[in-house]
Protein backbone atom coordinates (compact mmCIF):
# COMPACT_ATOMS: atom_id res chain seq x y z
CA MET A 1 -8.95 -5.69 51.38
CA HIS A 2 -6.62 -7.39 53.86
CA ILE A 3 -6.04 -11.04 52.86
CA GLU A 4 -3.46 -13.47 54.31
CA GLU A 5 -3.13 -17.36 54.14
CA LYS A 6 -1.99 -19.86 56.59
CA GLN A 7 -1.24 -23.70 56.33
CA TRP A 8 0.14 -26.07 58.69
CA HIS A 9 0.63 -29.99 59.15
CA SER A 10 -3.13 -30.62 61.00
CA PRO A 11 -1.77 -33.08 63.91
CA HIS A 12 -5.48 -34.44 63.73
CA LEU A 13 -6.01 -35.20 59.87
CA ASP A 14 -1.75 -35.51 59.51
CA ARG A 15 -1.87 -33.23 56.62
CA GLU A 16 -1.39 -29.84 55.20
CA MET A 17 -4.21 -27.96 55.79
CA THR A 18 -4.33 -24.51 54.58
CA VAL A 19 -6.94 -21.50 55.77
CA LYS A 20 -7.63 -18.27 53.93
CA ILE A 21 -8.22 -14.99 55.62
CA TYR A 22 -10.13 -12.06 54.23
CA GLY A 23 -11.00 -8.99 56.03
CA HIS A 24 -9.65 -6.89 58.85
CA TRP A 25 -12.30 -7.08 61.66
CA GLY A 26 -15.25 -7.82 62.33
CA GLN A 27 -17.96 -10.65 62.82
CA PRO A 28 -15.78 -14.05 62.28
CA PHE A 29 -17.09 -16.09 60.15
CA ILE A 30 -15.46 -20.25 59.28
CA VAL A 31 -16.55 -20.67 55.49
CA PHE A 32 -16.87 -24.57 54.05
CA PRO A 33 -16.09 -24.88 50.89
CA CYS A 34 -18.79 -27.06 48.48
CA SER A 35 -18.35 -30.55 48.07
CA ARG A 36 -14.80 -31.81 47.99
CA GLY A 37 -13.67 -27.83 47.57
CA ARG A 38 -11.03 -26.12 48.80
CA TYR A 39 -9.98 -22.83 51.03
CA PHE A 40 -9.82 -20.88 47.74
CA ASP A 41 -13.04 -21.72 46.18
CA TYR A 42 -15.19 -18.83 47.76
CA GLU A 43 -12.79 -16.60 46.09
CA GLY A 44 -12.46 -17.99 42.62
CA MET A 45 -16.16 -18.74 42.63
CA GLY A 46 -16.60 -15.51 42.96
CA MET A 47 -18.71 -14.97 46.31
CA ILE A 48 -15.62 -12.78 47.98
CA GLY A 49 -16.56 -10.09 45.35
CA ALA A 50 -20.14 -10.19 45.61
CA ILE A 51 -19.85 -9.42 49.53
CA ALA A 52 -17.07 -7.49 49.58
CA PRO A 53 -18.39 -4.30 50.58
CA PHE A 54 -18.75 -6.03 54.26
CA ILE A 55 -15.04 -7.32 54.23
CA ASP A 56 -13.96 -4.00 53.24
CA LYS A 57 -16.16 -2.12 55.80
CA GLY A 58 -14.64 -4.29 58.90
CA ARG A 59 -18.73 -5.77 59.50
CA ILE A 60 -17.30 -9.30 58.75
CA LYS A 61 -13.79 -11.48 58.62
CA LEU A 62 -14.21 -14.88 57.04
CA PHE A 63 -11.49 -17.52 57.78
CA CYS A 64 -11.97 -20.03 54.90
CA VAL A 65 -11.11 -23.72 55.06
CA ASP A 66 -10.20 -26.92 53.15
CA SER A 67 -12.48 -29.76 53.46
CA ILE A 68 -11.60 -33.19 52.99
CA ASP A 69 -14.95 -34.67 51.66
CA ALA A 70 -12.76 -36.83 49.06
CA PHE A 71 -11.41 -38.44 51.83
CA SER A 72 -14.45 -39.00 54.05
CA TRP A 73 -18.06 -38.46 52.93
CA TYR A 74 -17.75 -39.17 49.53
CA ASP A 75 -14.93 -41.86 49.64
CA PHE A 76 -17.67 -44.93 48.55
CA SER A 77 -14.46 -47.34 48.35
CA VAL A 78 -15.12 -47.50 52.52
CA SER A 79 -17.84 -48.11 54.66
CA PRO A 80 -19.95 -45.32 56.30
CA ALA A 81 -18.54 -45.97 59.87
CA GLU A 82 -15.15 -45.29 58.28
CA ARG A 83 -16.21 -42.35 56.73
CA ASN A 84 -17.87 -40.97 59.96
CA ARG A 85 -14.57 -41.69 61.36
CA ARG A 86 -12.37 -39.69 59.22
CA HIS A 87 -14.88 -36.98 59.53
CA GLU A 88 -14.61 -36.74 63.39
CA LEU A 89 -10.65 -36.39 62.62
CA TYR A 90 -12.06 -33.19 60.52
CA ASP A 91 -14.27 -32.27 63.54
CA GLN A 92 -11.15 -32.31 66.17
CA TYR A 93 -9.04 -30.06 63.17
CA ILE A 94 -11.82 -27.49 62.63
CA THR A 95 -12.57 -27.29 66.66
CA ARG A 96 -9.27 -27.97 67.94
CA GLU A 97 -6.87 -26.47 65.38
CA VAL A 98 -8.94 -23.65 63.53
CA VAL A 99 -11.03 -22.15 66.19
CA PRO A 100 -8.16 -21.39 68.83
CA PHE A 101 -7.10 -19.78 65.76
CA VAL A 102 -9.66 -17.71 64.72
CA ARG A 103 -10.07 -17.21 68.34
CA SER A 104 -5.88 -15.93 68.21
CA HIS A 105 -6.17 -13.90 64.95
CA CYS A 106 -9.00 -11.86 66.58
CA ARG A 107 -7.21 -11.80 69.75
CA ASP A 108 -10.72 -13.03 72.28
CA ASP A 109 -10.17 -16.57 73.26
CA ARG A 110 -13.76 -16.65 74.39
CA LEU A 111 -15.47 -15.56 70.77
CA ARG A 112 -18.22 -17.50 69.31
CA ILE A 113 -17.69 -17.85 65.35
CA MET A 114 -20.46 -17.80 62.74
CA ALA A 115 -20.61 -20.79 60.08
CA ASN A 116 -21.36 -20.50 56.60
CA GLY A 117 -21.34 -22.23 53.54
CA CYS A 118 -23.14 -23.25 50.49
CA SER A 119 -24.34 -26.94 49.28
CA MET A 120 -22.28 -29.09 51.32
CA GLY A 121 -20.49 -26.07 53.09
CA ALA A 122 -24.10 -25.70 54.51
CA TYR A 123 -24.05 -28.74 55.70
CA HIS A 124 -21.14 -28.73 57.73
CA ALA A 125 -21.80 -25.41 58.55
CA VAL A 126 -25.16 -26.48 60.19
CA ASN A 127 -23.78 -29.63 61.70
CA PHE A 128 -20.30 -27.84 63.26
CA PHE A 129 -22.68 -25.08 64.65
CA LEU A 130 -25.34 -27.48 66.28
CA ARG A 131 -22.42 -29.91 67.80
CA HIS A 132 -20.73 -27.13 69.14
CA PRO A 133 -23.22 -24.15 69.53
CA ASP A 134 -20.18 -22.57 72.60
CA GLN A 135 -18.13 -22.14 69.48
CA PHE A 136 -19.88 -21.26 67.08
CA ALA A 137 -22.50 -18.62 67.28
CA GLY A 138 -25.11 -19.28 64.30
CA THR A 139 -25.03 -20.22 60.92
CA ILE A 140 -25.79 -18.89 57.47
CA ALA A 141 -26.62 -21.81 55.58
CA LEU A 142 -27.76 -22.08 51.99
CA SER A 143 -28.61 -24.85 49.94
CA GLY A 144 -27.96 -27.47 51.96
CA LEU A 145 -28.38 -31.13 52.33
CA TYR A 146 -29.14 -31.88 56.03
CA ARG A 147 -29.38 -35.83 56.52
CA LEU A 148 -26.69 -38.61 55.47
CA ASP A 149 -29.40 -41.14 54.55
CA ARG A 150 -29.67 -38.93 50.63
CA HIS A 151 -28.17 -41.10 47.39
CA GLU A 152 -25.49 -37.78 47.22
CA PHE A 153 -24.06 -39.67 50.09
CA GLY A 154 -24.06 -42.81 49.03
CA ASN A 155 -26.01 -44.04 52.38
CA SER A 156 -29.29 -45.48 52.88
CA ALA A 157 -31.55 -45.68 56.24
CA ASP A 158 -29.59 -48.91 57.27
CA ASP A 159 -26.48 -46.98 57.20
CA ILE A 160 -27.73 -43.83 59.82
CA ALA A 161 -26.56 -45.73 62.95
CA ALA A 162 -23.23 -45.47 61.75
CA VAL A 163 -23.02 -41.43 60.58
CA TYR A 164 -26.22 -41.17 63.35
CA LEU A 165 -24.14 -38.22 65.37
CA ASN A 166 -23.49 -36.40 61.93
CA SER A 167 -27.17 -36.50 60.56
CA PRO A 168 -28.33 -32.94 61.40
CA VAL A 169 -31.99 -34.19 60.68
CA SER A 170 -31.37 -37.59 62.46
CA TYR A 171 -30.03 -36.59 65.62
CA LEU A 172 -31.99 -33.43 66.10
CA PRO A 173 -35.37 -34.67 67.13
CA GLY A 174 -33.88 -36.51 69.49
CA LEU A 175 -31.66 -34.30 71.32
CA SER A 176 -32.80 -32.99 74.19
CA ASP A 177 -29.79 -31.66 76.59
CA PRO A 178 -30.68 -28.26 77.96
CA TRP A 179 -27.04 -27.03 77.83
CA TYR A 180 -27.27 -27.38 73.76
CA LEU A 181 -30.70 -26.05 73.65
CA ASN A 182 -30.04 -23.29 75.67
CA TRP A 183 -27.09 -22.44 73.03
CA TYR A 184 -29.58 -22.97 70.44
CA ARG A 185 -31.95 -19.99 71.86
CA LYS A 186 -28.87 -17.85 71.87
CA SER A 187 -27.33 -17.89 68.48
CA THR A 188 -28.46 -16.77 65.21
CA ILE A 189 -29.63 -19.72 63.06
CA ILE A 190 -30.50 -18.76 59.25
CA ILE A 191 -30.89 -21.57 56.59
CA CYS A 192 -31.88 -20.98 52.86
CA ALA A 193 -32.90 -22.69 50.16
CA GLY A 194 -34.48 -21.73 46.93
CA GLN A 195 -37.83 -23.40 44.89
CA GLY A 196 -35.76 -23.64 41.60
CA ALA A 197 -33.81 -26.38 39.79
CA TRP A 198 -31.83 -28.76 42.02
CA GLU A 199 -32.96 -27.15 45.15
CA GLU A 200 -35.58 -30.18 45.97
CA GLU A 201 -33.55 -32.00 48.48
CA ALA A 202 -32.17 -29.13 50.35
CA LEU A 203 -35.71 -27.56 50.22
CA GLU A 204 -37.07 -30.80 51.87
CA ASP A 205 -34.59 -31.07 54.31
CA THR A 206 -34.59 -27.16 55.09
CA ARG A 207 -37.94 -27.37 55.72
CA ALA A 208 -37.39 -30.75 58.18
CA LEU A 209 -34.83 -28.80 60.14
CA GLU A 210 -37.75 -25.93 60.37
CA HIS A 211 -40.39 -28.56 61.83
CA ILE A 212 -37.34 -29.88 63.99
CA PHE A 213 -36.56 -26.15 65.49
CA GLN A 214 -40.47 -25.56 66.23
CA ASN A 215 -41.10 -28.54 67.85
CA LYS A 216 -38.35 -27.28 70.18
CA ASN A 217 -38.91 -23.85 70.67
CA ILE A 218 -36.13 -22.77 69.19
CA ASP A 219 -36.21 -19.42 67.21
CA VAL A 220 -34.76 -19.59 63.54
CA TRP A 221 -34.62 -17.69 60.25
CA ILE A 222 -35.87 -20.28 57.75
CA ASP A 223 -35.95 -18.83 54.08
CA TYR A 224 -37.50 -19.90 50.96
CA TRP A 225 -36.67 -18.14 47.88
CA GLY A 226 -38.50 -18.61 44.61
CA HIS A 227 -39.63 -21.00 42.02
CA ASP A 228 -36.66 -19.44 40.05
CA VAL A 229 -34.28 -19.26 42.40
CA ASN A 230 -31.71 -22.35 41.68
CA HIS A 231 -28.84 -24.16 42.96
CA ASP A 232 -26.09 -21.59 41.69
CA TRP A 233 -23.71 -19.40 42.96
CA PRO A 234 -25.68 -16.37 41.39
CA TRP A 235 -28.09 -17.01 43.69
CA TRP A 236 -25.95 -17.62 46.80
CA TYR A 237 -24.54 -14.10 45.82
CA LYS A 238 -27.84 -12.46 46.62
CA GLN A 239 -28.83 -14.69 49.41
CA MET A 240 -25.42 -13.50 51.00
CA ASN A 241 -25.76 -9.67 50.46
CA TYR A 242 -29.67 -10.35 51.76
CA PHE A 243 -28.55 -11.80 55.18
CA LEU A 244 -25.21 -10.33 55.72
CA GLU A 245 -27.36 -6.40 55.45
CA ARG A 246 -29.77 -7.39 57.81
CA LEU A 247 -27.12 -8.60 60.38
CA TYR A 248 -24.77 -6.50 60.44
CA GLY A 249 -25.78 -3.21 58.27
CA VAL A 250 -26.06 -1.80 54.84
CA SER A 251 -23.39 -2.67 52.49
CA GLY A 252 -22.72 0.32 50.98
């Protein structure tokens, strides 16, 4: 497997950030890590090995990025508005630095990229796709929370105004701009949750997104797995293989 690691000083974040690349060809994915995660977690937690046939055969090419969650959404010492401001810097890093890097690496300056992640990574994958559908071709999002007034994020309903544009279940119902809706309708949107342990809130948010997309006549693939499917990596391995096989052909 072809593997590269690239690091540069982000002018938007004013810190060193790293991207790790897996594969030589195929549909590019930007992979967001779980909460407070790092660029090497997808490999360290076993996902690269679990989906290696798709990478080795040139079906997909992964660009695994760092997060700044500990500095943004999980820094409860600052206000929700300040956490949102810090996330907006990360938004600029991804869209103005990482996306151009991916396009250059793939030698296609008009390329649309898939967004992927598990848990907190799923939140980022959905939010980045929804906010920038001209840059992202869609998403495979597993077991995510998609509203920022969850206890997980230290926010309440009173805080939503400060983080509104980064809380998909909050902003998506009122989004009526045809530019966004038309992009969504020609994208690949896969959102999955289990119904087992530690999946209750992810399941609730996934159902909320399904209802919102249905009301807007946007075709999405919402997949609910069984009551034995918990919030953990072994199930995410199975889900990724299942969806990748259906999108890009059999892994074997």
